[in-house]
Amino acid sequence: MAVRQVVVWPDERLRQETKPVAEIDDSVRALYRDLCDTMYDENGLGIAAIQIGEPVRMFLVEPKLAGRDPNDAPVCFINP
């Protein structure tokens, strides 16, 4: 979808309280794709939604870090 600007410390947005994801809908799926694109653009191994300015309880990690095949899609955690 889109590479988003990463919010970096000491930006106050990183201190926001995050909200639970109520339902998996198209907006959550779009956020997943944006997180993937942004994480890979930053050469990261993981990224949280709050790091792109979305205060919801969602983050991704590289599949290998989650014990999966490196060719799998990033693993998404919602409301951990």
Protein backbone atom coordinates (compact mmCIF):
# COMPACT_ATOMS: atom_id res chain seq x y z
CA MET A 1 0.00 0.00 0.00
CA ALA A 2 2.21 2.83 1.25
CA VAL A 3 5.41 3.59 3.05
CA ARG A 4 4.56 5.87 5.95
CA GLN A 5 6.76 8.27 7.88
CA VAL A 6 8.16 6.69 11.03
CA VAL A 7 7.60 8.56 14.29
CA VAL A 8 10.88 8.74 16.22
CA TRP A 9 11.74 9.40 19.83
CA PRO A 10 11.13 11.81 21.59
CA ASP A 11 7.92 12.49 19.64
CA GLU A 12 5.05 12.64 22.13
CA ARG A 13 2.83 10.54 19.87
CA LEU A 14 4.86 7.52 20.99
CA ARG A 15 3.49 8.06 24.51
CA GLN A 16 -0.17 7.90 23.45
CA GLU A 17 -2.32 5.22 24.95
CA THR A 18 -3.12 2.67 22.28
CA LYS A 19 -6.61 1.39 21.66
CA PRO A 20 -7.62 -2.23 21.08
CA VAL A 21 -8.57 -3.36 17.61
CA ALA A 22 -12.29 -4.12 17.78
CA GLU A 23 -12.64 -5.99 14.51
CA ILE A 24 -10.51 -7.12 11.58
CA ASP A 25 -11.82 -5.09 8.68
CA ASP A 26 -10.45 -3.48 5.53
CA SER A 27 -8.87 -0.61 7.48
CA VAL A 28 -6.90 -3.07 9.65
CA ARG A 29 -5.83 -4.98 6.55
CA ALA A 30 -4.68 -1.72 4.94
CA LEU A 31 -2.76 -0.82 8.10
CA TYR A 32 -1.06 -4.24 7.97
CA ARG A 33 0.07 -3.57 4.39
CA ASP A 34 1.33 -0.08 5.31
CA LEU A 35 3.23 -1.53 8.28
CA CYS A 36 4.82 -4.17 6.03
CA ASP A 37 5.84 -1.62 3.42
CA THR A 38 7.23 0.76 6.03
CA MET A 39 9.10 -1.95 7.95
CA TYR A 40 10.80 -3.24 4.79
CA ASP A 41 11.59 0.29 3.61
CA GLU A 42 13.33 0.94 6.95
CA ASN A 43 15.13 -2.45 6.81
CA GLY A 44 13.46 -3.30 10.11
CA LEU A 45 12.68 -6.59 11.79
CA GLY A 46 9.48 -5.36 13.41
CA ILE A 47 7.26 -2.33 13.70
CA ALA A 48 4.32 -1.19 15.81
CA ALA A 49 1.34 0.77 14.56
CA ILE A 50 2.12 3.60 16.99
CA GLN A 51 5.45 4.04 15.17
CA ILE A 52 3.58 5.24 12.10
CA GLY A 53 1.18 7.39 14.11
CA GLU A 54 -1.66 4.87 14.48
CA PRO A 55 -2.46 4.46 18.20
CA VAL A 56 -3.83 0.92 17.98
CA ARG A 57 -2.58 -2.31 19.57
CA MET A 58 -0.95 -3.93 16.59
CA PHE A 59 2.60 -4.81 15.60
CA LEU A 60 4.47 -6.95 13.08
CA VAL A 61 7.64 -9.00 13.19
CA GLU A 62 9.69 -10.66 10.49
CA PRO A 63 8.54 -14.26 9.99
CA LYS A 64 11.95 -15.71 10.86
CA LEU A 65 11.81 -13.99 14.27
CA ALA A 66 8.46 -15.66 14.88
CA GLY A 67 9.84 -19.12 14.04
CA ARG A 68 8.29 -19.22 10.60
CA ASP A 69 9.69 -19.70 7.13
CA PRO A 70 11.61 -16.57 6.03
CA ASN A 71 9.50 -16.47 2.84
CA ASP A 72 6.24 -16.13 4.79
CA ALA A 73 4.51 -12.80 5.27
CA PRO A 74 5.32 -10.78 8.40
CA VAL A 75 3.52 -12.06 11.49
CA CYS A 76 0.89 -9.67 12.84
CA PHE A 77 0.00 -9.41 16.51
CA ILE A 78 -3.26 -7.68 17.39
CA ASN A 79 -4.29 -6.79 20.93
CA PRO A 80 -1.30 -8.56 22.48
